[in-house]
Amino acid sequence: MLIYIYFVVGTVCSRFLISPIVESVFLKEQQEGYFRFLHVRIRNYVESIAFSWGEKGERTRLDELLMGVLGYQRKIVYKELPLKSMF
């Protein structure tokens, strides 16, 4: 009987403590994918970007995506920190 109580308590704790982290990790991975795609795009079209004086626009887009990735990474760390201190 004790094993069932342990299982139920562990499942409930896992459900409420891990679910927000999973969503944040998904969003971070999505942002990293956008960032990687933009890097590949820039590598493929670097000559066109340079000829059309588009460096500033591309730099702005890259900076925005990088800040998004770092923001999600910070959210994950802040959500994991209390869990790591509990155990």
PDB file of N, CA and C in Angstrom:
ATOM      1  N   MET A   1       0.825  -1.196   0.000  1.00  0.00           N
ATOM      2  CA  MET A   1       0.000   0.000   0.000  1.00  0.00           C
ATOM      3  C   MET A   1       0.875   1.268   0.000  1.00  0.00           C
ATOM      4  N   LEU A   2       1.969   1.211   0.708  1.00  0.00           N
ATOM      5  CA  LEU A   2       2.859   2.373   0.795  1.00  0.00           C
ATOM      6  C   LEU A   2       3.450   2.733  -0.573  1.00  0.00           C
ATOM      7  N   ILE A   3       3.695   1.730  -1.379  1.00  0.00           N
ATOM      8  CA  ILE A   3       4.259   1.982  -2.701  1.00  0.00           C
ATOM      9  C   ILE A   3       3.270   2.756  -3.582  1.00  0.00           C
ATOM     10  N   TYR A   4       1.975   2.483  -3.435  1.00  0.00           N
ATOM     11  CA  TYR A   4       0.969   3.193  -4.221  1.00  0.00           C
ATOM     12  C   TYR A   4       0.878   4.666  -3.810  1.00  0.00           C
ATOM     13  N   ILE A   5       0.977   4.905  -2.513  1.00  0.00           N
ATOM     14  CA  ILE A   5       0.961   6.292  -2.026  1.00  0.00           C
ATOM     15  C   ILE A   5       2.186   7.038  -2.547  1.00  0.00           C
ATOM     16  N   TYR A   6       3.337   6.374  -2.508  1.00  0.00           N
ATOM     17  CA  TYR A   6       4.569   6.970  -3.044  1.00  0.00           C
ATOM     18  C   TYR A   6       4.414   7.286  -4.527  1.00  0.00           C
ATOM     19  N   PHE A   7       3.831   6.376  -5.273  1.00  0.00           N
ATOM     20  CA  PHE A   7       3.619   6.573  -6.707  1.00  0.00           C
ATOM     21  C   PHE A   7       2.679   7.748  -6.967  1.00  0.00           C
ATOM     22  N   VAL A   8       1.583   7.838  -6.238  1.00  0.00           N
ATOM     23  CA  VAL A   8       0.611   8.915  -6.441  1.00  0.00           C
ATOM     24  C   VAL A   8       1.226  10.263  -6.073  1.00  0.00           C
ATOM     25  N   VAL A   9       1.912  10.329  -4.944  1.00  0.00           N
ATOM     26  CA  VAL A   9       2.546  11.583  -4.527  1.00  0.00           C
ATOM     27  C   VAL A   9       3.615  11.991  -5.544  1.00  0.00           C
ATOM     28  N   GLY A  10       4.406  11.056  -6.005  1.00  0.00           N
ATOM     29  CA  GLY A  10       5.437  11.358  -7.003  1.00  0.00           C
ATOM     30  C   GLY A  10       4.842  11.836  -8.318  1.00  0.00           C
ATOM     31  N   THR A  11       3.742  11.234  -8.741  1.00  0.00           N
ATOM     32  CA  THR A  11       3.082  11.637  -9.983  1.00  0.00           C
ATOM     33  C   THR A  11       2.508  13.036  -9.870  1.00  0.00           C
ATOM     34  N   VAL A  12       1.867  13.332  -8.760  1.00  0.00           N
ATOM     35  CA  VAL A  12       1.281  14.664  -8.565  1.00  0.00           C
ATOM     36  C   VAL A  12       2.373  15.729  -8.511  1.00  0.00           C
ATOM     37  N   CYS A  13       3.422  15.466  -7.767  1.00  0.00           N
ATOM     38  CA  CYS A  13       4.535  16.424  -7.687  1.00  0.00           C
ATOM     39  C   CYS A  13       5.168  16.633  -9.061  1.00  0.00           C
ATOM     40  N   SER A  14       5.369  15.555  -9.770  1.00  0.00           N
ATOM     41  CA  SER A  14       5.976  15.654 -11.099  1.00  0.00           C
ATOM     42  C   SER A  14       5.084  16.461 -12.033  1.00  0.00           C
ATOM     43  N   ARG A  15       3.809  16.230 -11.958  1.00  0.00           N
ATOM     44  CA  ARG A  15       2.865  16.930 -12.846  1.00  0.00           C
ATOM     45  C   ARG A  15       2.899  18.439 -12.609  1.00  0.00           C
ATOM     46  N   PHE A  16       2.901  18.866 -11.371  1.00  0.00           N
ATOM     47  CA  PHE A  16       2.830  20.297 -11.065  1.00  0.00           C
ATOM     48  C   PHE A  16       4.192  21.000 -11.109  1.00  0.00           C
ATOM     49  N   LEU A  17       5.258  20.286 -10.875  1.00  0.00           N
ATOM     50  CA  LEU A  17       6.573  20.918 -10.841  1.00  0.00           C
ATOM     51  C   LEU A  17       7.300  20.884 -12.185  1.00  0.00           C
ATOM     52  N   ILE A  18       7.050  19.851 -12.969  1.00  0.00           N
ATOM     53  CA  ILE A  18       7.792  19.680 -14.218  1.00  0.00           C
ATOM     54  C   ILE A  18       7.070  20.289 -15.415  1.00  0.00           C
ATOM     55  N   SER A  19       5.759  20.330 -15.416  1.00  0.00           N
ATOM     56  CA  SER A  19       5.002  20.826 -16.574  1.00  0.00           C
ATOM     57  C   SER A  19       5.399  22.235 -17.019  1.00  0.00           C
ATOM     58  N   PRO A  20       5.537  23.203 -16.118  1.00  0.00           N
ATOM     59  CA  PRO A  20       5.947  24.535 -16.583  1.00  0.00           C
ATOM     60  C   PRO A  20       7.342  24.550 -17.208  1.00  0.00           C
ATOM     61  N   ILE A  21       8.217  23.706 -16.729  1.00  0.00           N
ATOM     62  CA  ILE A  21       9.573  23.653 -17.276  1.00  0.00           C
ATOM     63  C   ILE A  21       9.552  23.073 -18.684  1.00  0.00           C
ATOM     64  N   VAL A  22       8.727  22.062 -18.904  1.00  0.00           N
ATOM     65  CA  VAL A  22       8.649  21.427 -20.217  1.00  0.00           C
ATOM     66  C   VAL A  22       8.187  22.433 -21.266  1.00  0.00           C
ATOM     67  N   GLU A  23       7.206  23.243 -20.946  1.00  0.00           N
ATOM     68  CA  GLU A  23       6.722  24.257 -21.878  1.00  0.00           C
ATOM     69  C   GLU A  23       7.816  25.274 -22.202  1.00  0.00           C
ATOM     70  N   SER A  24       8.549  25.704 -21.192  1.00  0.00           N
ATOM     71  CA  SER A  24       9.628  26.666 -21.414  1.00  0.00           C
ATOM     72  C   SER A  24      10.748  26.070 -22.265  1.00  0.00           C
ATOM     73  N   VAL A  25      11.059  24.804 -22.044  1.00  0.00           N
ATOM     74  CA  VAL A  25      12.099  24.147 -22.837  1.00  0.00           C
ATOM     75  C   VAL A  25      11.651  24.050 -24.297  1.00  0.00           C
ATOM     76  N   PHE A  26      10.389  23.733 -24.520  1.00  0.00           N
ATOM     77  CA  PHE A  26       9.875  23.675 -25.888  1.00  0.00           C
ATOM     78  C   PHE A  26      10.003  25.024 -26.584  1.00  0.00           C
ATOM     79  N   LEU A  27       9.615  26.091 -25.900  1.00  0.00           N
ATOM     80  CA  LEU A  27       9.701  27.423 -26.500  1.00  0.00           C
ATOM     81  C   LEU A  27      11.148  27.838 -26.747  1.00  0.00           C
ATOM     82  N   LYS A  28      12.049  27.459 -25.846  1.00  0.00           N
ATOM     83  CA  LYS A  28      13.470  27.776 -26.043  1.00  0.00           C
ATOM     84  C   LYS A  28      14.020  27.041 -27.260  1.00  0.00           C
ATOM     85  N   GLU A  29      13.668  25.780 -27.394  1.00  0.00           N
ATOM     86  CA  GLU A  29      14.125  25.002 -28.551  1.00  0.00           C
ATOM     87  C   GLU A  29      13.581  25.593 -29.849  1.00  0.00           C
ATOM     88  N   GLN A  30      12.350  26.071 -29.815  1.00  0.00           N
ATOM     89  CA  GLN A  30      11.760  26.692 -30.996  1.00  0.00           C
ATOM     90  C   GLN A  30      12.530  27.964 -31.371  1.00  0.00           C
ATOM     91  N   GLN A  31      12.838  28.792 -30.383  1.00  0.00           N
ATOM     92  CA  GLN A  31      13.594  30.010 -30.638  1.00  0.00           C
ATOM     93  C   GLN A  31      15.000  29.696 -31.155  1.00  0.00           C
ATOM     94  N   GLU A  32      15.633  28.655 -30.600  1.00  0.00           N
ATOM     95  CA  GLU A  32      16.952  28.252 -31.084  1.00  0.00           C
ATOM     96  C   GLU A  32      16.879  27.801 -32.540  1.00  0.00           C
ATOM     97  N   GLY A  33      15.797  27.122 -32.911  1.00  0.00           N
ATOM     98  CA  GLY A  33      15.613  26.706 -34.298  1.00  0.00           C
ATOM     99  C   GLY A  33      15.504  27.901 -35.232  1.00  0.00           C
ATOM    100  N   TYR A  34      14.748  28.912 -34.830  1.00  0.00           N
ATOM    101  CA  TYR A  34      14.641  30.132 -35.631  1.00  0.00           C
ATOM    102  C   TYR A  34      16.015  30.801 -35.770  1.00  0.00           C
ATOM    103  N   PHE A  35      16.740  30.823 -34.670  1.00  0.00           N
ATOM    104  CA  PHE A  35      18.063  31.454 -34.664  1.00  0.00           C
ATOM    105  C   PHE A  35      19.016  30.721 -35.611  1.00  0.00           C
ATOM    106  N   ARG A  36      19.014  29.382 -35.546  1.00  0.00           N
ATOM    107  CA  ARG A  36      19.868  28.593 -36.441  1.00  0.00           C
ATOM    108  C   ARG A  36      19.477  28.792 -37.898  1.00  0.00           C
ATOM    109  N   PHE A  37      18.161  28.828 -38.162  1.00  0.00           N
ATOM    110  CA  PHE A  37      17.691  29.031 -39.527  1.00  0.00           C
ATOM    111  C   PHE A  37      18.162  30.376 -40.067  1.00  0.00           C
ATOM    112  N   LEU A  38      18.100  31.409 -39.231  1.00  0.00           N
ATOM    113  CA  LEU A  38      18.546  32.728 -39.671  1.00  0.00           C
ATOM    114  C   LEU A  38      20.045  32.732 -39.950  1.00  0.00           C
ATOM    115  N   HIS A  39      20.811  32.015 -39.145  1.00  0.00           N
ATOM    116  CA  HIS A  39      22.255  31.920 -39.392  1.00  0.00           C
ATOM    117  C   HIS A  39      22.543  31.247 -40.735  1.00  0.00           C
ATOM    118  N   VAL A  40      21.838  30.170 -41.016  1.00  0.00           N
ATOM    119  CA  VAL A  40      22.037  29.481 -42.293  1.00  0.00           C
ATOM    120  C   VAL A  40      21.635  30.390 -43.443  1.00  0.00           C
ATOM    121  N   ARG A  41      20.528  31.095 -43.289  1.00  0.00           N
ATOM    122  CA  ARG A  41      20.063  32.016 -44.316  1.00  0.00           C
ATOM    123  C   ARG A  41      21.098  33.105 -44.582  1.00  0.00           C
ATOM    124  N   ILE A  42      21.671  33.630 -43.521  1.00  0.00           N
ATOM    125  CA  ILE A  42      22.688  34.672 -43.682  1.00  0.00           C
ATOM    126  C   ILE A  42      23.921  34.107 -44.377  1.00  0.00           C
ATOM    127  N   ARG A  43      24.337  32.906 -44.008  1.00  0.00           N
ATOM    128  CA  ARG A  43      25.500  32.301 -44.673  1.00  0.00           C
ATOM    129  C   ARG A  43      25.253  32.097 -46.162  1.00  0.00           C
ATOM    130  N   ASN A  44      24.024  31.708 -46.507  1.00  0.00           N
ATOM    131  CA  ASN A  44      23.713  31.471 -47.915  1.00  0.00           C
ATOM    132  C   ASN A  44      23.611  32.766 -48.721  1.00  0.00           C
ATOM    133  N   TYR A  45      23.132  33.819 -48.090  1.00  0.00           N
ATOM    134  CA  TYR A  45      22.872  35.066 -48.808  1.00  0.00           C
ATOM    135  C   TYR A  45      23.774  36.209 -48.361  1.00  0.00           C
ATOM    136  N   VAL A  46      24.936  35.903 -47.852  1.00  0.00           N
ATOM    137  CA  VAL A  46      25.817  36.934 -47.305  1.00  0.00           C
ATOM    138  C   VAL A  46      26.214  37.957 -48.369  1.00  0.00           C
ATOM    139  N   GLU A  47      26.453  37.500 -49.577  1.00  0.00           N
ATOM    140  CA  GLU A  47      26.854  38.432 -50.627  1.00  0.00           C
ATOM    141  C   GLU A  47      25.709  39.377 -50.992  1.00  0.00           C
ATOM    142  N   SER A  48      24.508  38.846 -51.117  1.00  0.00           N
ATOM    143  CA  SER A  48      23.344  39.685 -51.439  1.00  0.00           C
ATOM    144  C   SER A  48      23.070  40.688 -50.324  1.00  0.00           C
ATOM    145  N   ILE A  49      23.208  40.237 -49.091  1.00  0.00           N
ATOM    146  CA  ILE A  49      22.980  41.134 -47.951  1.00  0.00           C
ATOM    147  C   ILE A  49      24.006  42.266 -47.966  1.00  0.00           C
ATOM    148  N   ALA A  50      25.243  41.936 -48.258  1.00  0.00           N
ATOM    149  CA  ALA A  50      26.299  42.961 -48.272  1.00  0.00           C
ATOM    150  C   ALA A  50      26.087  43.962 -49.411  1.00  0.00           C
ATOM    151  N   PHE A  51      25.709  43.477 -50.591  1.00  0.00           N
ATOM    152  CA  PHE A  51      25.505  44.373 -51.725  1.00  0.00           C
ATOM    153  C   PHE A  51      24.303  45.294 -51.533  1.00  0.00           C
ATOM    154  N   SER A  52      23.300  44.819 -50.785  1.00  0.00           N
ATOM    155  CA  SER A  52      22.098  45.638 -50.597  1.00  0.00           C
ATOM    156  C   SER A  52      22.130  46.429 -49.285  1.00  0.00           C
ATOM    157  N   TRP A  53      23.281  46.468 -48.642  1.00  0.00           N
ATOM    158  CA  TRP A  53      23.468  47.207 -47.396  1.00  0.00           C
ATOM    159  C   TRP A  53      22.483  46.751 -46.311  1.00  0.00           C
ATOM    160  N   GLY A  54      22.291  45.452 -46.214  1.00  0.00           N
ATOM    161  CA  GLY A  54      21.313  44.924 -45.267  1.00  0.00           C
ATOM    162  C   GLY A  54      21.899  44.404 -43.970  1.00  0.00           C
ATOM    163  N   GLU A  55      23.161  44.736 -43.711  1.00  0.00           N
ATOM    164  CA  GLU A  55      23.814  44.203 -42.507  1.00  0.00           C
ATOM    165  C   GLU A  55      23.105  44.645 -41.233  1.00  0.00           C
ATOM    166  N   LYS A  56      22.713  45.898 -41.192  1.00  0.00           N
ATOM    167  CA  LYS A  56      22.100  46.432 -39.970  1.00  0.00           C
ATOM    168  C   LYS A  56      20.776  45.727 -39.667  1.00  0.00           C
ATOM    169  N   GLY A  57      19.973  45.521 -40.695  1.00  0.00           N
ATOM    170  CA  GLY A  57      18.698  44.831 -40.495  1.00  0.00           C
ATOM    171  C   GLY A  57      18.878  43.394 -40.043  1.00  0.00           C
ATOM    172  N   GLU A  58      19.833  42.719 -40.662  1.00  0.00           N
ATOM    173  CA  GLU A  58      20.098  41.333 -40.274  1.00  0.00           C
ATOM    174  C   GLU A  58      20.661  41.264 -38.857  1.00  0.00           C
ATOM    175  N   ARG A  59      21.508  42.199 -38.512  1.00  0.00           N
ATOM    176  CA  ARG A  59      22.071  42.239 -37.162  1.00  0.00           C
ATOM    177  C   ARG A  59      20.971  42.462 -36.130  1.00  0.00           C
ATOM    178  N   THR A  60      20.031  43.351 -36.456  1.00  0.00           N
ATOM    179  CA  THR A  60      18.908  43.614 -35.546  1.00  0.00           C
ATOM    180  C   THR A  60      18.071  42.354 -35.349  1.00  0.00           C
ATOM    181  N   ARG A  61      17.773  41.657 -36.452  1.00  0.00           N
ATOM    182  CA  ARG A  61      16.993  40.416 -36.353  1.00  0.00           C
ATOM    183  C   ARG A  61      17.725  39.369 -35.529  1.00  0.00           C
ATOM    184  N   LEU A  62      19.023  39.227 -35.774  1.00  0.00           N
ATOM    185  CA  LEU A  62      19.808  38.254 -35.007  1.00  0.00           C
ATOM    186  C   LEU A  62      19.843  38.606 -33.518  1.00  0.00           C
ATOM    187  N   ASP A  63      20.025  39.886 -33.214  1.00  0.00           N
ATOM    188  CA  ASP A  63      20.050  40.310 -31.814  1.00  0.00           C
ATOM    189  C   ASP A  63      18.721  40.036 -31.123  1.00  0.00           C
ATOM    190  N   GLU A  64      17.620  40.302 -31.820  1.00  0.00           N
ATOM    191  CA  GLU A  64      16.297  40.054 -31.231  1.00  0.00           C
ATOM    192  C   GLU A  64      16.090  38.569 -30.949  1.00  0.00           C
ATOM    193  N   LEU A  65      16.465  37.717 -31.923  1.00  0.00           N
ATOM    194  CA  LEU A  65      16.315  36.280 -31.710  1.00  0.00           C
ATOM    195  C   LEU A  65      17.227  35.777 -30.600  1.00  0.00           C
ATOM    196  N   LEU A  66      18.441  36.292 -30.536  1.00  0.00           N
ATOM    197  CA  LEU A  66      19.360  35.879 -29.478  1.00  0.00           C
ATOM    198  C   LEU A  66      18.825  36.277 -28.105  1.00  0.00           C
ATOM    199  N   MET A  67      18.278  37.481 -28.001  1.00  0.00           N
ATOM    200  CA  MET A  67      17.689  37.908 -26.726  1.00  0.00           C
ATOM    201  C   MET A  67      16.500  37.033 -26.350  1.00  0.00           C
ATOM    202  N   GLY A  68      15.744  36.601 -27.341  1.00  0.00           N
ATOM    203  CA  GLY A  68      14.630  35.683 -27.077  1.00  0.00           C
ATOM    204  C   GLY A  68      15.112  34.346 -26.540  1.00  0.00           C
ATOM    205  N   VAL A  69      16.146  33.803 -27.164  1.00  0.00           N
ATOM    206  CA  VAL A  69      16.710  32.526 -26.709  1.00  0.00           C
ATOM    207  C   VAL A  69      17.246  32.667 -25.289  1.00  0.00           C
ATOM    208  N   LEU A  70      17.985  33.730 -25.040  1.00  0.00           N
ATOM    209  CA  LEU A  70      18.544  33.933 -23.699  1.00  0.00           C
ATOM    210  C   LEU A  70      17.454  34.169 -22.662  1.00  0.00           C
ATOM    211  N   GLY A  71      16.387  34.848 -23.067  1.00  0.00           N
ATOM    212  CA  GLY A  71      15.264  35.072 -22.148  1.00  0.00           C
ATOM    213  C   GLY A  71      14.607  33.763 -21.740  1.00  0.00           C
ATOM    214  N   TYR A  72      14.372  32.882 -22.704  1.00  0.00           N
ATOM    215  CA  TYR A  72      13.779  31.584 -22.378  1.00  0.00           C
ATOM    216  C   TYR A  72      14.732  30.751 -21.537  1.00  0.00           C
ATOM    217  N   GLN A  73      16.030  30.848 -21.816  1.00  0.00           N
ATOM    218  CA  GLN A  73      17.005  30.103 -21.013  1.00  0.00           C
ATOM    219  C   GLN A  73      16.968  30.589 -19.560  1.00  0.00           C
ATOM    220  N   ARG A  74      16.850  31.899 -19.382  1.00  0.00           N
ATOM    221  CA  ARG A  74      16.751  32.447 -18.016  1.00  0.00           C
ATOM    222  C   ARG A  74      15.494  31.948 -17.314  1.00  0.00           C
ATOM    223  N   LYS A  75      14.373  31.908 -18.036  1.00  0.00           N
ATOM    224  CA  LYS A  75      13.127  31.423 -17.443  1.00  0.00           C
ATOM    225  C   LYS A  75      13.279  29.979 -16.981  1.00  0.00           C
ATOM    226  N   ILE A  76      13.938  29.173 -17.793  1.00  0.00           N
ATOM    227  CA  ILE A  76      14.137  27.768 -17.420  1.00  0.00           C
ATOM    228  C   ILE A  76      14.990  27.665 -16.165  1.00  0.00           C
ATOM    229  N   VAL A  77      16.056  28.434 -16.113  1.00  0.00           N
ATOM    230  CA  VAL A  77      16.936  28.392 -14.940  1.00  0.00           C
ATOM    231  C   VAL A  77      16.171  28.834 -13.695  1.00  0.00           C
ATOM    232  N   TYR A  78      15.374  29.901 -13.804  1.00  0.00           N
ATOM    233  CA  TYR A  78      14.621  30.380 -12.648  1.00  0.00           C
ATOM    234  C   TYR A  78      13.552  29.386 -12.202  1.00  0.00           C
ATOM    235  N   LYS A  79      13.011  28.612 -13.140  1.00  0.00           N
ATOM    236  CA  LYS A  79      12.019  27.603 -12.766  1.00  0.00           C
ATOM    237  C   LYS A  79      12.670  26.363 -12.180  1.00  0.00           C
ATOM    238  N   GLU A  80      13.889  26.034 -12.635  1.00  0.00           N
ATOM    239  CA  GLU A  80      14.578  24.856 -12.119  1.00  0.00           C
ATOM    240  C   GLU A  80      15.268  25.112 -10.785  1.00  0.00           C
ATOM    241  N   LEU A  81      15.625  26.332 -10.517  1.00  0.00           N
ATOM    242  CA  LEU A  81      16.383  26.657  -9.310  1.00  0.00           C
ATOM    243  C   LEU A  81      15.686  26.206  -8.026  1.00  0.00           C
ATOM    244  N   PRO A  82      14.387  26.507  -7.845  1.00  0.00           N
ATOM    245  CA  PRO A  82      13.736  26.024  -6.613  1.00  0.00           C
ATOM    246  C   PRO A  82      13.699  24.504  -6.522  1.00  0.00           C
ATOM    247  N   LEU A  83      13.561  23.839  -7.667  1.00  0.00           N
ATOM    248  CA  LEU A  83      13.528  22.364  -7.642  1.00  0.00           C
ATOM    249  C   LEU A  83      14.879  21.802  -7.217  1.00  0.00           C
ATOM    250  N   LYS A  84      15.944  22.404  -7.694  1.00  0.00           N
ATOM    251  CA  LYS A  84      17.277  21.893  -7.341  1.00  0.00           C
ATOM    252  C   LYS A  84      17.591  22.153  -5.880  1.00  0.00           C
ATOM    253  N   SER A  85      17.072  23.237  -5.333  1.00  0.00           N
ATOM    254  CA  SER A  85      17.339  23.524  -3.927  1.00  0.00           C
ATOM    255  C   SER A  85      16.492  22.642  -3.012  1.00  0.00           C
ATOM    256  N   MET A  86      15.363  22.130  -3.513  1.00  0.00           N
ATOM    257  CA  MET A  86      14.499  21.251  -2.705  1.00  0.00           C
ATOM    258  C   MET A  86      15.133  19.894  -2.529  1.00  0.00           C
ATOM    259  N   PHE A  87      15.780  19.412  -3.562  1.00  0.00           N
ATOM    260  CA  PHE A  87      16.310  18.047  -3.519  1.00  0.00           C
ATOM    261  C   PHE A  87      17.779  18.139  -3.388  1.00  0.00           C
TER     262      PHE A  87
END
